[in-house]
Structure formats: C-alpha cells, structure tokens
Amino acid sequence: MLPNQPPPAHPVRSDMDSSTARGSYNTVISRNIFSSDGIIPEQLMAAQDKNRSESEAPVQSSLPLTLKGTIVHSNPQKSIANIEVKSKNQVLAYHVGNDIENLATLSAVERGKVIFRNLNNNRLEFIELKTDGAKISFGAAKPLERPSKSDVAQVAPNKFEIKRSDVLKYTSDMAAVLQQAAMAPRRNSSGEIECFKFLSIQPGSIYTQLGFQNGDCIKAVNGEKIDSPAKAMELYNALKNSSSIKMQVERDGRDQESEYNIR
C-alpha cells in the first residue's frame, strides 16, 4: 500500500551565530572568587610582608638600643645579648625570640652583633658593639695593665667597700670587665649549673681587688642563685643601684660569704 501524503519536512538549520560575546563574561572575570569585595585579608598581607622582609638583608637600626655584650653559644637558642634600653637606662639580658621592651624581637646573636625584627615596621635590623673586640667571653682572659691604685678597700675579713663611681665605671664597660677573667659553669650530675668557677684571673683586675681567687665558684648574689649566664648578667647589671652586695662563694669545698658596701 503506497502512502498518499509526502513525508514531513526537516527543520531548517539556522546559520545565525549563537556564540556569546566576550563582554558578557566581564563580571565573572573581574570578580575575586576568594573575596567578594576584592580586598586581600590582613593575615595574607602580613604573611607576604614577613616573607619579603626575611629575604632582605638586615639594615642598621635607629631604635634606642645599645649592644653591651654577647655570649655566643653553640646552640643559637642559648646565646645571650646584653642590651641597654636607653629610654629606661637599664641593661638586660635577652635570648633569641625574646621581646625587647615592645620595640623588637631578637632573631640572632652573633659575636659583637645582634639581629632583631623591628615591631614597628616588621623589618630585620641590627646593632653592633661600639668598640672593636668588646665581646663577652668565658675563654682566655684579656691581658690587663695593673692599676696603680685599688678601687676596692678591704675593711675586714670578707668585707669590702667600693665607691659608686667605680661601680658605674665597671658596669658601663661590662664586656671588658668580663674579659679580665676566664670562667666556666660547673654542673652537677643532672646537668644543672651549680655555680660559675674562676679558671684564671688577671693580676690586678677588679676580681682580685674584690677578693676572688682562682678556683672560687660564685653560687649566689644577695641570696639569689646564679644558675644561668643570663641570671649572672642580670645581677651584674643590678649592681648599679645596689648599696650592699652579699656574694656566696665556694672556696676549697667550703661556702663563704663576702660583703661589699657601696658608698
């Protein structure tokens, strides 16, 4: 049986270009998919600034800080910097990572130089000792010219007097004073510091004037135990304002106390 109607006509394909214009995507292209307002979060900006500053070489600092001495340890975390904060007129001991009076954070301690991060501009900066060779050391003692006059007067056994002007003189040049003797910490079986022992003392130095002898081991100052280099430096700086100092020393296996009056 033959069909009596023609087959249906196929739809005619349009030749019109149906592609979307590129301008229609501008809204999507210009949009920050991580932040709708297009602002980089502060946390990301801070991280970028930190990474950038760490790649830069430190510059000399203009902060009101003066380096007085350094103790460089084989373990960088145990190194110590003795820094004077000019606004407070005091010298304090700092370890790596310590905050320096809300001005900076200590990053590294080198011989005669420290590097820190300025908390105001997040920049790595450094300060150095003002005089060459003024480095704190527990190694060989520095030769010292014998003074013609003693700055310390012994008024009784284990009792001494010293002028405040002389105390200020020695505490202002701590690095040089510490180099007049070789010292080392003495530790117990647990590895804890018991005292600091004099290995050698230069004749005529301030240490001999204060009555110390080779082999003496300083255990405490004014009743406070000396159990770390940092504590020793802090107590040393505290001498500026002290009127009386009592020092516990072990000599030939026996403890004895020496008293120093500052007039």
Protein backbone atom coordinates (compact mmCIF):
# COMPACT_ATOMS: atom_id res chain seq x y z
CA MET A 1 0.00 0.00 0.00
CA LEU A 2 1.54 3.30 -1.09
CA PRO A 3 1.48 6.44 1.12
CA ASN A 4 -0.87 9.08 -0.10
CA GLN A 5 0.97 12.02 1.70
CA PRO A 6 4.54 13.37 1.36
CA PRO A 7 6.94 12.88 4.33
CA PRO A 8 7.20 15.75 6.86
CA ALA A 9 9.75 18.42 6.08
CA HIS A 10 13.00 18.52 8.18
CA PRO A 11 13.60 21.74 10.24
CA VAL A 12 15.84 24.19 8.53
CA ARG A 13 19.18 24.80 10.44
CA SER A 14 19.82 28.45 11.08
CA ASP A 15 23.19 29.84 10.01
CA MET A 16 22.99 32.64 12.68
CA ASP A 17 25.98 32.71 15.10
CA SER A 18 24.69 31.76 18.57
CA SER A 19 28.07 32.31 20.41
CA THR A 20 28.07 34.65 23.42
CA ALA A 21 30.03 37.86 23.21
CA ARG A 22 33.22 38.01 25.38
CA GLY A 23 31.96 41.14 27.10
CA SER A 24 29.24 39.10 28.72
CA TYR A 25 31.89 37.38 30.89
CA ASN A 26 33.49 40.56 32.23
CA THR A 27 31.58 40.37 35.52
CA VAL A 28 32.88 36.86 36.19
CA ILE A 29 36.44 37.59 35.04
CA SER A 30 36.80 40.68 37.19
CA ARG A 31 35.36 39.07 40.31
CA ASN A 32 37.69 37.82 43.11
CA ILE A 33 36.34 34.35 43.88
CA PHE A 34 38.23 34.34 47.22
CA SER A 35 36.91 37.67 48.46
CA SER A 36 33.69 39.24 47.21
CA ASP A 37 34.91 42.77 47.95
CA GLY A 38 38.25 42.21 46.21
CA ILE A 39 40.32 43.05 49.33
CA ILE A 40 43.20 40.80 50.38
CA PRO A 41 42.75 39.74 54.04
CA GLU A 42 45.17 41.32 56.54
CA GLN A 43 46.51 37.91 57.56
CA LEU A 44 47.66 37.23 54.00
CA MET A 45 49.17 40.69 53.68
CA ALA A 46 51.11 40.23 56.92
CA ALA A 47 52.43 36.87 55.78
CA GLN A 48 53.54 38.37 52.47
CA ASP A 49 55.33 41.24 54.24
CA LYS A 50 57.06 38.79 56.61
CA ASN A 51 58.29 36.58 53.78
CA ARG A 52 59.54 39.60 51.90
CA SER A 53 61.40 41.02 54.95
CA GLU A 54 63.05 37.68 55.73
CA SER A 55 64.56 37.60 52.26
CA GLU A 56 66.08 41.04 52.74
CA ALA A 57 69.39 41.73 54.42
CA PRO A 58 69.11 43.41 57.85
CA VAL A 59 69.85 47.13 58.00
CA GLN A 60 71.39 49.16 60.80
CA SER A 61 68.77 50.08 63.37
CA SER A 62 67.90 53.51 64.72
CA LEU A 63 65.97 52.14 67.70
CA PRO A 64 67.09 53.43 71.14
CA LEU A 65 69.03 50.25 71.88
CA THR A 66 72.74 49.81 72.61
CA LEU A 67 74.52 46.46 72.49
CA LYS A 68 76.73 45.98 75.56
CA GLY A 69 77.92 42.42 75.01
CA THR A 70 77.16 38.99 73.59
CA ILE A 71 77.63 35.41 74.69
CA VAL A 72 77.53 33.14 71.64
CA HIS A 73 76.60 29.52 72.41
CA SER A 74 76.95 26.53 70.09
CA ASN A 75 73.16 26.26 70.42
CA PRO A 76 71.86 29.56 68.99
CA GLN A 77 68.81 29.44 71.29
CA LYS A 78 71.12 29.66 74.30
CA SER A 79 73.09 32.65 73.05
CA ILE A 80 72.64 35.85 75.05
CA ALA A 81 72.69 39.53 74.14
CA ASN A 82 73.18 42.21 76.78
CA ILE A 83 71.25 45.24 75.51
CA GLU A 84 70.76 48.67 77.03
CA VAL A 85 67.32 50.24 76.58
CA LYS A 86 68.15 53.95 76.54
CA SER A 87 64.66 55.15 77.46
CA LYS A 88 64.77 53.12 80.69
CA ASN A 89 68.51 53.47 81.36
CA GLN A 90 68.87 49.78 82.11
CA VAL A 91 70.76 46.84 80.65
CA LEU A 92 69.04 43.47 80.36
CA ALA A 93 69.94 40.04 79.01
CA TYR A 94 67.93 38.63 76.10
CA HIS A 95 67.72 35.23 74.40
CA VAL A 96 66.75 34.60 70.78
CA GLY A 97 62.98 35.00 70.48
CA ASN A 98 62.68 37.40 73.42
CA ASP A 99 60.75 40.64 73.08
CA ILE A 100 62.90 43.75 73.63
CA GLU A 101 60.65 46.19 75.51
CA ASN A 102 57.93 46.08 72.81
CA LEU A 103 60.41 47.53 70.32
CA ALA A 104 61.76 44.42 68.61
CA THR A 105 62.06 40.65 68.76
CA LEU A 106 65.57 39.19 68.94
CA SER A 107 66.31 36.99 65.92
CA ALA A 108 70.03 36.15 66.15
CA VAL A 109 73.04 36.73 68.39
CA GLU A 110 76.48 36.91 66.78
CA ARG A 111 79.87 37.95 68.14
CA GLY A 112 79.60 41.68 68.65
CA LYS A 113 76.31 41.93 66.74
CA VAL A 114 72.62 41.14 67.16
CA ILE A 115 69.80 40.96 64.62
CA PHE A 116 66.20 41.64 65.54
CA ARG A 117 62.84 42.34 63.92
CA ASN A 118 61.60 45.90 64.37
CA LEU A 119 58.00 45.52 65.59
CA ASN A 120 57.05 48.91 64.15
CA ASN A 121 57.95 48.23 60.51
CA ASN A 122 58.47 44.42 60.57
CA ARG A 123 61.97 44.94 59.14
CA LEU A 124 65.11 43.00 60.05
CA GLU A 125 67.65 45.32 61.66
CA PHE A 126 70.93 45.02 63.56
CA ILE A 127 73.07 46.78 66.14
CA GLU A 128 76.77 46.24 66.89
CA LEU A 129 79.18 46.85 69.72
CA LYS A 130 80.64 50.32 69.55
CA THR A 131 84.23 49.28 70.24
CA ASP A 132 86.19 46.55 68.47
CA GLY A 133 86.83 43.44 70.43
CA ALA A 134 84.37 44.26 73.21
CA LYS A 135 82.83 40.81 73.31
CA ILE A 136 81.85 38.84 76.35
CA SER A 137 83.76 35.63 76.56
CA PHE A 138 84.32 32.82 79.01
CA GLY A 139 87.52 31.85 77.23
CA ALA A 140 91.06 33.14 77.68
CA ALA A 141 91.30 36.24 79.82
CA LYS A 142 92.31 39.54 78.27
CA PRO A 143 95.64 40.99 79.46
CA LEU A 144 95.11 43.95 81.75
CA GLU A 145 97.51 46.66 82.80
CA ARG A 146 97.94 46.60 86.59
CA PRO A 147 96.25 49.68 88.11
CA SER A 148 98.34 51.98 90.28
CA LYS A 149 95.58 52.34 92.87
CA SER A 150 92.97 49.90 94.13
CA ASP A 151 89.32 50.82 93.56
CA VAL A 152 88.23 48.47 96.38
CA ALA A 153 89.10 48.79 100.07
CA GLN A 154 89.09 45.75 102.33
CA VAL A 155 87.91 46.89 105.77
CA ALA A 156 87.61 43.45 107.44
CA PRO A 157 87.91 39.77 106.53
CA ASN A 158 85.48 39.14 103.65
CA LYS A 159 84.18 42.71 103.90
CA PHE A 160 84.92 45.37 101.30
CA GLU A 161 83.98 48.94 100.37
CA ILE A 162 83.81 50.40 96.88
CA LYS A 163 82.83 53.80 95.53
CA ARG A 164 79.65 54.03 93.49
CA SER A 165 81.53 55.94 90.81
CA ASP A 166 83.82 52.92 90.42
CA VAL A 167 80.83 50.56 90.27
CA LEU A 168 79.35 52.65 87.46
CA LYS A 169 82.71 52.68 85.71
CA TYR A 170 82.93 48.90 85.66
CA THR A 171 79.28 48.20 84.86
CA SER A 172 79.39 50.61 81.92
CA ASP A 173 82.18 48.54 80.33
CA MET A 174 80.92 45.07 81.19
CA ALA A 175 82.47 43.37 78.18
CA ALA A 176 85.98 44.48 79.13
CA VAL A 177 85.47 43.52 82.78
CA LEU A 178 84.30 40.02 81.92
CA GLN A 179 87.39 39.53 79.78
CA GLN A 180 89.65 40.10 82.78
CA ALA A 181 88.92 36.56 83.97
CA ALA A 182 88.18 33.18 82.43
CA MET A 183 85.10 31.48 83.89
CA ALA A 184 83.06 28.38 83.22
CA PRO A 185 79.83 26.98 84.69
CA ARG A 186 80.18 23.99 87.00
CA ARG A 187 77.35 21.48 86.63
CA ASN A 188 76.04 18.73 88.87
CA SER A 189 75.26 15.15 87.84
CA SER A 190 71.88 16.28 86.47
CA GLY A 191 73.49 18.85 84.19
CA GLU A 192 72.21 21.83 86.19
CA ILE A 193 74.51 24.79 86.82
CA GLU A 194 75.73 24.89 90.43
CA CYS A 195 77.98 27.90 90.20
CA PHE A 196 80.40 29.81 87.97
CA LYS A 197 84.03 28.93 88.55
CA PHE A 198 87.05 31.17 88.03
CA LEU A 199 89.54 29.31 85.85
CA SER A 200 92.04 32.17 85.77
CA ILE A 201 92.10 35.77 86.95
CA GLN A 202 94.35 38.53 85.63
CA PRO A 203 96.60 40.02 88.36
CA GLY A 204 95.46 43.48 89.37
CA SER A 205 91.99 43.06 87.87
CA ILE A 206 88.79 44.08 89.61
CA TYR A 207 88.28 40.43 90.57
CA THR A 208 91.45 40.26 92.64
CA GLN A 209 90.53 43.57 94.26
CA LEU A 210 87.19 42.06 95.23
CA GLY A 211 89.00 39.19 96.92
CA PHE A 212 88.41 36.41 94.39
CA GLN A 213 90.94 33.65 93.79
CA ASN A 214 91.47 31.09 91.04
CA GLY A 215 89.16 28.14 91.69
CA ASP A 216 86.48 30.18 93.51
CA CYS A 217 82.94 29.33 92.40
CA ILE A 218 80.23 32.02 92.64
CA LYS A 219 76.98 30.40 93.80
CA ALA A 220 74.64 33.26 94.70
CA VAL A 221 74.34 37.05 94.92
CA ASN A 222 72.16 38.61 97.63
CA GLY A 223 70.65 35.19 98.24
CA GLU A 224 69.68 34.64 94.60
CA LYS A 225 71.16 31.54 92.99
CA ILE A 226 73.29 32.02 89.87
CA ASP A 227 72.12 29.14 87.68
CA SER A 228 72.45 30.55 84.17
CA PRO A 229 74.62 33.02 82.20
CA ALA A 230 71.55 35.22 81.75
CA LYS A 231 70.97 35.40 85.51
CA ALA A 232 74.63 36.26 86.06
CA MET A 233 74.41 39.13 83.59
CA GLU A 234 71.15 40.43 85.06
CA LEU A 235 72.61 40.50 88.57
CA TYR A 236 75.77 42.14 87.26
CA ASN A 237 73.68 44.97 85.82
CA ALA A 238 71.69 45.25 89.06
CA LEU A 239 74.88 46.35 90.84
CA LYS A 240 74.40 49.88 89.53
CA ASN A 241 71.63 50.61 92.03
CA SER A 242 72.71 48.38 94.92
CA SER A 243 74.05 49.78 98.19
CA SER A 244 75.11 46.45 99.64
CA ILE A 245 76.00 43.18 97.95
CA LYS A 246 76.46 39.81 99.60
CA MET A 247 78.08 37.13 97.49
CA GLN A 248 78.16 33.42 98.32
CA VAL A 249 81.32 31.74 97.06
CA GLU A 250 82.58 28.19 97.35
CA ARG A 251 86.32 28.05 98.08
CA ASP A 252 88.22 24.80 98.62
CA GLY A 253 84.95 22.91 99.10
CA ARG A 254 83.52 25.32 101.69
CA ASP A 255 80.93 28.06 101.30
CA GLN A 256 81.78 31.55 102.45
CA GLU A 257 80.10 34.92 102.14
CA SER A 258 81.71 38.21 101.18
CA GLU A 259 80.01 41.56 101.73
CA TYR A 260 80.54 44.65 99.58
CA ASN A 261 79.27 48.06 100.69
CA ILE A 262 78.91 50.73 98.02
CA ARG A 263 79.39 54.28 99.26
